[in-house]
């Protein structure tokens, strides 16, 4: 599952001040009152430039070491998959490592012709395969054979993994990407004397992407789905849980994609997705490290100006309707029992966003949290119990979820009852002064420590620039945390944690039958 994490950013002198220390409430209050001077200091270190194509470049000069890190933040994720094409955003993340017309190929002009033949063969095969009536088995077999032959021909021009190998041979570390429901991010770190090489590589895969080995990667994604979801009881449960909690919004769709849709994705559809969502106005690139804006910005502009121009795509208009009745999902099989429930809550832009963070912290943060002390330590009925928010995404209204893993001899129903008792306490009794101050202390310390490294800073700058239109909003987050009150927590708990707003899902363990035991278990 994905738990909320604070974006990461701060300056070296703050890291040194925090190293090895535990902040007390007085220190937290002092920091909250004085964050503006730190903001002004950052404004001197950070340069922001919107290029003519709409792409935003952010540079933060940290010359402490001859290295840099970057994050390319594309404001498109699984939630943006077109209807009937779930899994497309994730597919494109795979394509981004396959190279360009200049890297990853032995002969691009010839490969281009071969790829066109692959697409034509795939389209012909799919047209016959999708016929509701009158499908010709022999014709289908012949078309599949032609499709596989076209793929084999195109494969002759591929230099496998060349993009990744060039980057790593030149010192790239932490080279990776991730697709969430809300966005797609690409990132790595590199020696500063390879900045221009990085700019060529990164701008190239944004502006000059090739649908190389697309259908091979489609099979990889299908295998990922089988491992993460189809073969994982909890993965199946969570997928059904979200599909039940949402009736209109795409947050209810399978994040990795429904099998029938992933298996029919085409390179043509992937390139259409790229043209729409990888346009300049939908991309922020943040670079942090030994990078001099005065000397390096012109070079970066030259490379990243090649990214196709375009505005941010129109925002989603679908709004999940209010839930009026409790909904439940049950899975019964011979596996570990599990319980999860969720309540609809607003997006990250809601004024109470920090209040939800406070509830999550008080209920779930470590061994002093309420759920751990009650279900794990005192009652000894659960191996693990937590609440977390937002889930499954944060860009749009999402869920505040709670889950628990029963110990042997205990049931999901016991988890449900125990969690509801703790929720009821939030609704009827104020949290203690100590709990609230511990949340604020941890929130600030987690944020400051998490922003220590270049990669964390690059990620935070790109995320906040995208989400708020200004990276400076990161500092205002600290102010919002400090303003949370005990009354806020009771108010939000009473508004949100009600039965009619709840969706729950559980795995109830059933024992295998006698015949299954003799056969070695259920297959």
Protein backbone atom coordinates (compact mmCIF):
# COMPACT_ATOMS: atom_id res chain seq x y z
CA UNK A 1 0.00 0.00 0.00
CA UNK A 2 1.01 3.58 -0.44
CA UNK A 3 1.27 5.67 2.70
CA UNK A 4 1.50 9.43 2.59
CA UNK A 5 5.02 10.77 2.74
CA UNK A 6 6.10 14.34 3.23
CA UNK A 7 7.87 15.87 0.26
CA UNK A 8 11.55 16.38 1.10
CA UNK A 9 13.48 19.64 1.28
CA UNK A 10 15.69 21.82 3.54
CA UNK A 11 19.15 23.40 3.76
CA UNK A 12 22.41 21.97 5.10
CA UNK A 13 22.60 24.24 8.13
CA UNK A 14 19.19 23.05 9.26
CA UNK A 15 20.20 19.42 8.80
CA UNK A 16 23.26 19.95 10.94
CA UNK A 17 21.18 21.64 13.60
CA UNK A 18 18.75 18.74 13.65
CA UNK A 19 21.28 15.91 13.43
CA UNK A 20 21.13 13.68 16.47
CA UNK A 21 18.60 15.91 18.19
CA UNK A 22 14.97 15.46 19.14
CA UNK A 23 12.95 18.63 18.78
CA UNK A 24 10.90 19.71 21.76
CA UNK A 25 7.53 21.49 21.40
CA UNK A 26 9.11 24.86 22.15
CA UNK A 27 11.60 24.38 19.32
CA UNK A 28 8.81 23.40 16.97
CA UNK A 29 6.84 26.53 17.83
CA UNK A 30 9.90 28.70 17.36
CA UNK A 31 10.56 27.17 13.93
CA UNK A 32 6.96 27.66 12.85
CA UNK A 33 7.17 31.35 13.71
CA UNK A 34 10.43 31.84 11.83
CA UNK A 35 10.04 29.87 8.60
CA UNK A 36 9.81 33.03 6.49
CA UNK A 37 13.52 33.90 6.89
CA UNK A 38 14.35 30.39 5.63
CA UNK A 39 12.00 30.91 2.70
CA UNK A 40 13.76 34.15 1.83
CA UNK A 41 17.11 32.35 2.03
CA UNK A 42 15.87 29.68 -0.38
CA UNK A 43 14.62 32.29 -2.77
CA UNK A 44 18.21 33.41 -3.19
CA UNK A 45 19.35 29.85 -3.99
CA UNK A 46 16.55 28.78 -6.34
CA UNK A 47 15.98 29.88 -9.93
CA UNK A 48 12.69 29.14 -11.70
CA UNK A 49 12.28 29.51 -15.45
CA UNK A 50 9.24 28.74 -17.59
CA UNK A 51 10.40 27.98 -21.11
CA UNK A 52 8.50 29.10 -24.25
CA UNK A 53 7.19 25.52 -24.65
CA UNK A 54 5.60 25.70 -21.18
CA UNK A 55 8.07 23.40 -19.40
CA UNK A 56 9.23 24.68 -16.01
CA UNK A 57 12.89 24.40 -14.99
CA UNK A 58 13.85 24.80 -11.32
CA UNK A 59 17.51 24.99 -10.31
CA UNK A 60 18.83 25.03 -6.75
CA UNK A 61 22.57 25.63 -6.38
CA UNK A 62 24.02 23.44 -3.63
CA UNK A 63 27.78 23.46 -4.25
CA UNK A 64 28.70 21.41 -1.17
CA UNK A 65 29.62 18.39 -3.33
CA UNK A 66 30.33 17.96 -7.08
CA UNK A 67 27.08 16.09 -7.75
CA UNK A 68 23.50 16.85 -8.68
CA UNK A 69 20.13 15.13 -8.49
CA UNK A 70 17.01 15.75 -10.48
CA UNK A 71 13.31 14.93 -10.67
CA UNK A 72 11.21 15.16 -13.80
CA UNK A 73 7.62 15.48 -12.61
CA UNK A 74 4.89 14.73 -15.16
CA UNK A 75 1.43 15.69 -13.93
CA UNK A 76 -0.18 12.50 -15.25
CA UNK A 77 -0.60 9.11 -13.67
CA UNK A 78 -2.86 6.08 -13.71
CA UNK A 79 -5.90 8.25 -13.04
CA UNK A 80 -5.37 9.87 -16.45
CA UNK A 81 -5.57 6.61 -18.39
CA UNK A 82 -8.28 7.04 -21.03
CA UNK A 83 -11.43 5.00 -20.56
CA UNK A 84 -10.80 1.46 -21.80
CA UNK A 85 -7.02 1.96 -21.72
CA UNK A 86 -6.13 1.41 -18.05
CA UNK A 87 -2.43 0.83 -17.49
CA UNK A 88 -1.32 3.25 -20.20
CA UNK A 89 0.50 5.72 -17.91
CA UNK A 90 2.43 2.86 -16.37
CA UNK A 91 3.23 1.48 -19.80
CA UNK A 92 4.71 4.79 -20.82
CA UNK A 93 7.02 4.78 -17.81
CA UNK A 94 8.45 1.54 -19.22
CA UNK A 95 8.85 3.09 -22.67
CA UNK A 96 10.85 6.00 -21.26
CA UNK A 97 13.80 3.67 -20.64
CA UNK A 98 13.81 2.22 -24.15
CA UNK A 99 15.74 5.06 -25.73
CA UNK A 100 15.17 7.51 -28.56
CA UNK A 101 15.91 7.80 -32.28
CA UNK A 102 19.55 8.37 -31.30
CA UNK A 103 20.06 5.88 -28.51
CA UNK A 104 18.96 2.27 -28.26
CA UNK A 105 19.03 1.57 -31.99
CA UNK A 106 21.57 0.43 -34.58
CA UNK A 107 19.67 1.96 -37.49
CA UNK A 108 16.75 4.27 -36.73
CA UNK A 109 15.47 4.76 -40.31
CA UNK A 110 15.21 1.00 -40.79
CA UNK A 111 13.80 0.46 -37.31
CA UNK A 112 11.14 3.11 -37.91
CA UNK A 113 9.88 1.18 -40.93
CA UNK A 114 9.96 -2.08 -38.96
CA UNK A 115 8.00 -0.56 -36.06
CA UNK A 116 5.33 0.68 -38.46
CA UNK A 117 4.97 -2.88 -39.74
CA UNK A 118 4.66 -4.15 -36.16
CA UNK A 119 1.82 -1.73 -35.53
CA UNK A 120 0.03 -2.63 -38.76
CA UNK A 121 0.33 -6.34 -37.94
CA UNK A 122 -0.95 -5.79 -34.41
CA UNK A 123 -3.92 -3.78 -35.64
CA UNK A 124 -4.86 -6.53 -38.10
CA UNK A 125 -4.57 -9.22 -35.44
CA UNK A 126 -6.58 -7.22 -32.92
CA UNK A 127 -9.34 -6.47 -35.43
CA UNK A 128 -9.86 -10.19 -36.03
CA UNK A 129 -9.46 -11.11 -32.34
CA UNK A 130 -12.09 -8.59 -31.19
CA UNK A 131 -14.78 -9.70 -33.63
CA UNK A 132 -17.87 -10.56 -31.54
CA UNK A 133 -19.00 -13.10 -34.14
CA UNK A 134 -17.46 -14.72 -37.19
CA UNK A 135 -13.89 -14.89 -35.91
CA UNK A 136 -11.80 -17.10 -38.19
CA UNK A 137 -9.41 -19.27 -36.09
CA UNK A 138 -7.04 -19.97 -38.98
CA UNK A 139 -6.91 -16.34 -40.01
CA UNK A 140 -6.31 -15.35 -36.40
CA UNK A 141 -3.40 -17.80 -36.13
CA UNK A 142 -1.89 -16.49 -39.37
CA UNK A 143 -2.24 -12.87 -38.21
CA UNK A 144 -0.62 -13.70 -34.89
CA UNK A 145 2.26 -15.37 -36.70
CA UNK A 146 2.71 -12.29 -38.88
CA UNK A 147 2.62 -10.06 -35.79
CA UNK A 148 5.31 -12.10 -34.03
CA UNK A 149 7.45 -12.08 -37.17
CA UNK A 150 7.18 -8.29 -37.44
CA UNK A 151 8.25 -7.96 -33.81
CA UNK A 152 11.25 -10.20 -34.40
CA UNK A 153 12.29 -8.08 -37.39
CA UNK A 154 12.07 -4.84 -35.39
CA UNK A 155 14.01 -6.44 -32.54
CA UNK A 156 17.05 -6.79 -34.81
CA UNK A 157 17.71 -3.05 -34.58
CA UNK A 158 17.42 -2.77 -30.78
CA UNK A 159 20.42 -2.19 -28.52
CA UNK A 160 18.96 -3.48 -25.23
CA UNK A 161 19.20 -1.22 -22.16
CA UNK A 162 21.50 1.27 -23.88
CA UNK A 163 19.80 4.30 -22.30
CA UNK A 164 20.31 2.93 -18.77
CA UNK A 165 23.83 1.72 -19.49
CA UNK A 166 24.98 5.11 -20.84
CA UNK A 167 23.62 6.84 -17.75
CA UNK A 168 25.17 4.38 -15.30
CA UNK A 169 28.51 4.27 -17.12
CA UNK A 170 28.68 8.01 -16.55
CA UNK A 171 28.03 7.81 -12.82
CA UNK A 172 24.23 7.79 -12.56
CA UNK A 173 22.99 6.32 -9.27
CA UNK A 174 19.47 5.71 -8.02
CA UNK A 175 18.23 5.64 -11.62
CA UNK A 176 14.52 4.92 -11.47
CA UNK A 177 10.97 6.07 -12.14
CA UNK A 178 7.59 5.57 -10.56
CA UNK A 179 4.02 5.96 -11.72
CA UNK A 180 1.40 6.75 -9.09
CA UNK A 181 -2.27 7.43 -9.58
CA UNK A 182 -1.56 11.16 -9.72
CA UNK A 183 1.80 11.58 -11.47
CA UNK A 184 4.87 10.02 -13.03
CA UNK A 185 8.39 10.85 -11.81
CA UNK A 186 11.83 10.14 -13.26
CA UNK A 187 14.97 10.63 -11.19
CA UNK A 188 18.62 9.87 -10.56
CA UNK A 189 21.85 11.46 -9.25
CA UNK A 190 25.04 12.10 -11.24
CA UNK A 191 28.46 13.83 -11.07
CA UNK A 192 28.15 17.52 -11.91
CA UNK A 193 30.54 17.21 -14.87
CA UNK A 194 27.92 15.04 -16.59
CA UNK A 195 25.17 17.66 -16.42
CA UNK A 196 25.09 18.23 -20.18
CA UNK A 197 25.00 14.50 -20.89
CA UNK A 198 22.07 14.19 -18.49
CA UNK A 199 20.26 17.07 -20.18
CA UNK A 200 20.68 15.34 -23.54
CA UNK A 201 19.41 12.02 -22.19
CA UNK A 202 16.47 13.37 -20.22
CA UNK A 203 15.24 15.91 -22.74
CA UNK A 204 15.65 13.28 -25.44
CA UNK A 205 13.32 10.78 -23.85
CA UNK A 206 10.76 13.52 -23.28
CA UNK A 207 10.93 14.95 -26.81
CA UNK A 208 12.11 12.02 -28.92
CA UNK A 209 10.50 8.93 -27.41
CA UNK A 210 10.20 5.75 -29.49
CA UNK A 211 7.63 2.97 -28.81
CA UNK A 212 10.46 0.44 -28.92
CA UNK A 213 9.67 -3.10 -27.68
CA UNK A 214 6.20 -1.88 -26.70
CA UNK A 215 4.49 -5.26 -26.89
CA UNK A 216 7.30 -6.96 -25.04
CA UNK A 217 6.84 -4.43 -22.21
CA UNK A 218 3.07 -4.94 -22.35
CA UNK A 219 3.69 -8.54 -21.35
CA UNK A 220 5.97 -7.34 -18.55
CA UNK A 221 3.18 -5.14 -17.17
CA UNK A 222 0.71 -8.03 -17.34
CA UNK A 223 3.17 -10.14 -15.36
CA UNK A 224 3.52 -7.32 -12.81
CA UNK A 225 -0.24 -7.36 -12.42
CA UNK A 226 -0.27 -11.12 -11.88
CA UNK A 227 2.37 -10.79 -9.16
CA UNK A 228 0.99 -7.70 -7.39
CA UNK A 229 -2.71 -8.36 -7.64
CA UNK A 230 -3.90 -11.64 -9.11
CA UNK A 231 -1.52 -13.79 -7.01
CA UNK A 232 -1.73 -11.64 -3.88
CA UNK A 233 -4.88 -11.97 -1.72
CA UNK A 234 -4.41 -8.53 -0.18
CA UNK A 235 -3.77 -7.05 -3.62
CA UNK A 236 -7.04 -8.54 -4.87
CA UNK A 237 -8.87 -7.32 -1.78
CA UNK A 238 -7.61 -3.75 -2.08
CA UNK A 239 -8.50 -3.66 -5.77
CA UNK A 240 -12.06 -4.74 -4.96
CA UNK A 241 -12.18 -2.37 -1.99
CA UNK A 242 -11.39 0.65 -4.16
CA UNK A 243 -13.70 -0.49 -6.96
CA UNK A 244 -16.49 -0.60 -4.37
CA UNK A 245 -15.64 2.67 -2.64
CA UNK A 246 -15.74 4.61 -5.94
CA UNK A 247 -18.63 4.52 -8.38
CA UNK A 248 -17.62 7.37 -10.73
CA UNK A 249 -14.07 8.62 -10.17
CA UNK A 250 -11.09 6.80 -11.79
CA UNK A 251 -9.53 6.27 -8.35
CA UNK A 252 -11.75 3.18 -8.30
CA UNK A 253 -10.06 1.62 -11.32
CA UNK A 254 -7.20 -0.83 -11.11
CA UNK A 255 -4.02 1.23 -10.85
CA UNK A 256 -1.90 -1.19 -12.84
CA UNK A 257 -4.75 -1.80 -15.26
CA UNK A 258 -7.49 -4.34 -15.90
CA UNK A 259 -6.08 -7.42 -17.71
CA UNK A 260 -8.45 -7.19 -20.67
CA UNK A 261 -7.48 -3.55 -21.24
CA UNK A 262 -3.72 -3.86 -20.70
CA UNK A 263 -3.58 -6.79 -23.10
CA UNK A 264 -5.13 -4.63 -25.86
CA UNK A 265 -3.00 -1.48 -25.41
CA UNK A 266 -1.20 -0.38 -28.56
CA UNK A 267 1.87 1.70 -29.31
CA UNK A 268 -0.37 4.12 -31.19
CA UNK A 269 -2.41 4.72 -28.03
CA UNK A 270 0.76 5.16 -25.99
CA UNK A 271 2.10 7.83 -28.33
CA UNK A 272 -1.24 9.66 -28.22
CA UNK A 273 -1.03 9.63 -24.40
CA UNK A 274 2.50 11.04 -24.65
CA UNK A 275 1.47 13.88 -26.95
CA UNK A 276 -1.27 14.94 -24.55
CA UNK A 277 0.36 14.55 -21.15
CA UNK A 278 4.09 14.96 -21.85
CA UNK A 279 3.63 18.41 -23.37
CA UNK A 280 5.83 21.16 -21.96
CA UNK A 281 3.13 22.80 -19.86
CA UNK A 282 2.55 19.56 -17.96
CA UNK A 283 6.18 18.92 -17.00
CA UNK A 284 8.41 20.33 -14.23
CA UNK A 285 12.13 19.48 -14.12
CA UNK A 286 13.97 20.28 -10.86
CA UNK A 287 17.77 20.04 -10.59
CA UNK A 288 19.55 20.35 -7.24
CA UNK A 289 23.27 20.25 -6.52
CA UNK A 290 26.46 21.75 -7.90
CA UNK A 291 24.59 23.55 -10.67
CA UNK A 292 25.19 27.23 -11.42
CA UNK A 293 22.08 28.95 -12.79
CA UNK A 294 24.08 31.67 -14.52
CA UNK A 295 26.27 29.31 -16.53
CA UNK A 296 24.13 26.16 -16.74
CA UNK A 297 20.63 27.52 -17.29
CA UNK A 298 21.23 28.54 -20.93
CA UNK A 299 22.43 25.02 -21.72
CA UNK A 300 19.44 23.45 -19.98
CA UNK A 301 17.08 25.77 -21.81
CA UNK A 302 18.60 24.73 -25.13
CA UNK A 303 17.97 21.03 -24.50
CA UNK A 304 14.60 21.16 -22.77
CA UNK A 305 13.15 23.62 -25.26
CA UNK A 306 13.03 20.64 -27.63
CA UNK A 307 10.15 19.15 -25.64
CA UNK A 308 6.94 19.66 -27.66
CA UNK A 309 5.01 22.74 -26.58
CA UNK A 310 1.56 22.45 -25.13
CA UNK A 311 -0.60 23.63 -22.25
CA UNK A 312 -1.57 21.56 -19.25
CA UNK A 313 -4.38 19.22 -20.27
CA UNK A 314 -7.80 20.12 -18.97
CA UNK A 315 -8.35 18.94 -15.42
CA UNK A 316 -10.67 16.06 -14.65
CA UNK A 317 -14.31 17.06 -14.26
CA UNK A 318 -15.61 13.81 -12.77
CA UNK A 319 -16.50 14.23 -9.09
CA UNK A 320 -17.27 11.21 -6.92
CA UNK A 321 -20.86 11.58 -5.68
CA UNK A 322 -21.55 11.56 -1.97
CA UNK A 323 -21.81 8.08 -0.48
CA UNK A 324 -25.12 7.51 1.29
CA UNK A 325 -24.85 3.92 2.49
CA UNK A 326 -22.19 1.70 3.99
CA UNK A 327 -20.63 -0.76 1.55
CA UNK A 328 -18.82 -4.02 2.33
CA UNK A 329 -16.62 -6.49 0.46
CA UNK A 330 -15.90 -10.05 1.62
CA UNK A 331 -13.30 -12.47 0.26
CA UNK A 332 -13.33 -15.96 1.71
CA UNK A 333 -10.34 -18.20 1.09
CA UNK A 334 -7.63 -20.15 2.84
CA UNK A 335 -5.22 -17.31 3.53
CA UNK A 336 -4.24 -14.72 6.13
CA UNK A 337 -7.27 -12.73 7.36
CA UNK A 338 -7.19 -8.99 6.79
CA UNK A 339 -9.43 -5.98 7.41
CA UNK A 340 -9.51 -2.53 5.79
CA UNK A 341 -12.04 0.29 5.79
CA UNK A 342 -12.08 3.74 4.24
CA UNK A 343 -13.99 7.00 4.51
CA UNK A 344 -14.25 9.57 1.73
CA UNK A 345 -12.31 12.78 2.42
CA UNK A 346 -11.40 15.92 0.40
CA UNK A 347 -8.24 16.45 -1.65
CA UNK A 348 -4.93 17.94 -0.51
CA UNK A 349 -6.25 21.44 -1.24
CA UNK A 350 -8.85 21.24 1.51
CA UNK A 351 -8.20 23.57 4.49
CA UNK A 352 -8.37 20.55 6.80
CA UNK A 353 -5.67 18.57 5.00
CA UNK A 354 -3.25 18.95 7.93
CA UNK A 355 -5.99 17.79 10.31
CA UNK A 356 -6.17 14.46 8.48
CA UNK A 357 -2.40 14.19 8.82
CA UNK A 358 -2.74 14.81 12.56
CA UNK A 359 -5.36 12.07 12.93
CA UNK A 360 -3.18 9.65 10.97
CA UNK A 361 -0.18 10.44 13.17
CA UNK A 362 -2.05 10.13 16.47
CA UNK A 363 -3.74 6.89 15.47
CA UNK A 364 -0.82 5.22 13.74
CA UNK A 365 2.65 6.71 14.21
CA UNK A 366 4.76 4.10 15.98
CA UNK A 367 4.39 2.21 19.22
CA UNK A 368 2.88 5.15 21.08
CA UNK A 369 0.01 5.47 18.60
CA UNK A 370 -3.53 4.66 19.67
CA UNK A 371 -4.16 1.75 17.32
CA UNK A 372 -0.86 0.06 18.17
CA UNK A 373 -1.33 0.43 21.91
CA UNK A 374 -4.92 -0.80 21.80
CA UNK A 375 -4.98 -3.60 19.23
CA UNK A 376 -1.37 -4.79 19.32
CA UNK A 377 -0.15 -4.21 22.89
CA UNK A 378 -3.19 -4.12 25.17
CA UNK A 379 -5.71 -6.45 23.52
CA UNK A 380 -3.09 -8.49 21.63
CA UNK A 381 -5.52 -9.25 18.81
CA UNK A 382 -3.58 -7.76 15.87
CA UNK A 383 -0.10 -8.09 14.45
CA UNK A 384 -0.40 -4.64 12.89
CA UNK A 385 -2.96 -1.83 12.86
CA UNK A 386 -2.76 1.59 11.23
CA UNK A 387 -4.70 4.47 9.77
CA UNK A 388 -3.41 6.39 6.76
CA UNK A 389 -4.47 9.16 4.44
CA UNK A 390 -4.87 10.06 1.63
CA UNK A 391 -5.42 6.78 -0.20
CA UNK A 392 -5.18 5.79 -3.02
CA UNK A 393 -4.14 9.27 -4.27
CA UNK A 394 -4.14 12.86 -3.06
CA UNK A 395 -4.70 15.04 -6.12
CA UNK A 396 -8.46 14.38 -6.00
CA UNK A 397 -10.81 13.59 -3.11
CA UNK A 398 -9.68 10.27 -1.69
CA UNK A 399 -10.05 8.05 1.37
CA UNK A 400 -8.94 7.98 4.99
CA UNK A 401 -8.29 4.28 5.53
CA UNK A 402 -7.70 2.01 8.51
CA UNK A 403 -6.44 -1.55 8.38
CA UNK A 404 -5.51 -4.35 10.77
CA UNK A 405 -3.95 -7.80 10.44
CA UNK A 406 -5.50 -10.24 12.96
CA UNK A 407 -3.31 -12.53 15.01
CA UNK A 408 -4.08 -16.28 14.82
CA UNK A 409 -7.39 -17.02 16.50
CA UNK A 410 -8.80 -13.53 15.87
CA UNK A 411 -11.08 -12.28 13.14
CA UNK A 412 -11.61 -9.27 10.88
CA UNK A 413 -14.82 -8.54 12.81
CA UNK A 414 -12.76 -8.08 15.98
CA UNK A 415 -10.52 -5.67 14.08
CA UNK A 416 -13.56 -3.74 12.90
CA UNK A 417 -15.00 -3.41 16.41
CA UNK A 418 -11.65 -2.40 17.94
CA UNK A 419 -10.93 0.22 15.26
CA UNK A 420 -14.41 1.71 15.64
CA UNK A 421 -13.90 2.06 19.39
CA UNK A 422 -10.75 4.10 18.78
CA UNK A 423 -12.50 6.22 16.14
CA UNK A 424 -15.36 6.89 18.56
CA UNK A 425 -12.86 8.21 21.12
CA UNK A 426 -11.63 10.72 18.53
CA UNK A 427 -15.22 11.89 18.02
CA UNK A 428 -16.20 12.23 21.66
CA UNK A 429 -13.02 13.17 23.55
CA UNK A 430 -10.28 15.64 22.74
CA UNK A 431 -6.85 14.26 22.02
CA UNK A 432 -4.34 15.17 24.70
CA UNK A 433 -2.02 18.16 24.57
CA UNK A 434 0.90 15.75 24.48
CA UNK A 435 -0.49 13.83 21.48
CA UNK A 436 -1.08 17.01 19.50
CA UNK A 437 2.34 18.42 20.28
CA UNK A 438 3.99 15.10 19.42
CA UNK A 439 2.29 15.22 16.02
CA UNK A 440 3.57 18.72 15.34
CA UNK A 441 7.06 17.83 16.54
CA UNK A 442 7.23 14.71 14.39
CA UNK A 443 5.74 16.44 11.38
CA UNK A 444 8.34 19.17 11.46
CA UNK A 445 11.24 16.83 12.25
CA UNK A 446 10.20 14.37 9.54
CA UNK A 447 9.94 17.18 7.02
CA UNK A 448 13.26 18.77 7.89
CA UNK A 449 15.20 15.52 8.04
CA UNK A 450 13.57 14.25 4.89
CA UNK A 451 14.72 17.31 2.95
CA UNK A 452 18.37 16.81 3.70
CA UNK A 453 19.55 15.39 0.39
CA UNK A 454 19.57 16.76 -3.14
CA UNK A 455 17.14 14.16 -4.44
CA UNK A 456 14.62 14.97 -1.73
CA UNK A 457 14.85 18.67 -2.45
CA UNK A 458 14.43 18.12 -6.20
CA UNK A 459 11.34 15.98 -5.61
CA UNK A 460 9.80 18.56 -3.26
CA UNK A 461 10.44 21.48 -5.57
CA UNK A 462 8.93 19.68 -8.56
CA UNK A 463 5.92 18.41 -6.62
CA UNK A 464 5.00 21.70 -4.98
CA UNK A 465 5.57 23.67 -8.16
CA UNK A 466 3.17 21.29 -9.91
CA UNK A 467 0.54 21.00 -7.21
CA UNK A 468 0.42 24.65 -6.10
CA UNK A 469 2.04 26.51 -8.97
CA UNK A 470 4.76 27.73 -6.59
CA UNK A 471 7.39 25.72 -4.71
CA UNK A 472 7.22 28.26 -1.86
CA UNK A 473 4.02 26.63 -0.65
CA UNK A 474 6.21 23.97 0.94
CA UNK A 475 7.02 26.39 3.73
CA UNK A 476 3.38 27.24 4.31
CA UNK A 477 2.78 23.55 4.99
CA UNK A 478 4.67 24.01 8.24
CA UNK A 479 2.36 26.85 9.21
CA UNK A 480 -0.73 24.74 8.48
CA UNK A 481 0.60 21.94 10.69
CA UNK A 482 1.15 24.36 13.58
CA UNK A 483 -2.44 25.67 13.40
CA UNK A 484 -4.16 22.29 13.91
CA UNK A 485 -6.22 22.25 17.13
CA UNK A 486 -7.88 19.57 19.25
CA UNK A 487 -11.27 20.98 18.25
CA UNK A 488 -10.32 20.56 14.57
CA UNK A 489 -9.64 16.87 15.12
CA UNK A 490 -12.99 16.25 16.84
CA UNK A 491 -14.85 18.24 14.21
CA UNK A 492 -13.30 16.41 11.24
CA UNK A 493 -13.69 13.00 12.90
CA UNK A 494 -17.41 13.60 13.43
CA UNK A 495 -17.88 14.83 9.88
CA UNK A 496 -16.03 12.06 8.08
CA UNK A 497 -15.98 8.88 10.20
CA UNK A 498 -19.66 7.95 9.86
CA UNK A 499 -21.14 4.65 8.76
CA UNK A 500 -22.85 6.00 5.65
CA UNK A 501 -19.46 7.25 4.41
CA UNK A 502 -17.68 3.95 5.05
CA UNK A 503 -16.56 1.15 2.74
CA UNK A 504 -14.96 -1.92 4.31
CA UNK A 505 -13.33 -5.06 2.94
CA UNK A 506 -12.07 -8.17 4.63
CA UNK A 507 -10.50 -11.54 4.01
CA UNK A 508 -12.21 -14.23 6.06
CA UNK A 509 -10.10 -17.35 6.35
CA UNK A 510 -11.76 -20.62 5.42
CA UNK A 511 -10.16 -24.00 6.01
CA UNK A 512 -9.47 -26.27 3.02
CA UNK A 513 -11.78 -29.24 2.58
CA UNK A 514 -10.62 -32.78 3.36
CA UNK A 515 -10.17 -33.57 -0.35
CA UNK A 516 -8.06 -30.42 -0.84
CA UNK A 517 -5.83 -31.41 2.09
CA UNK A 518 -5.29 -34.85 0.54
CA UNK A 519 -4.43 -33.22 -2.79
CA UNK A 520 -1.92 -30.92 -1.15
CA UNK A 521 -4.13 -27.86 -0.80
CA UNK A 522 -6.25 -25.67 -3.02
CA UNK A 523 -4.84 -24.92 -6.45
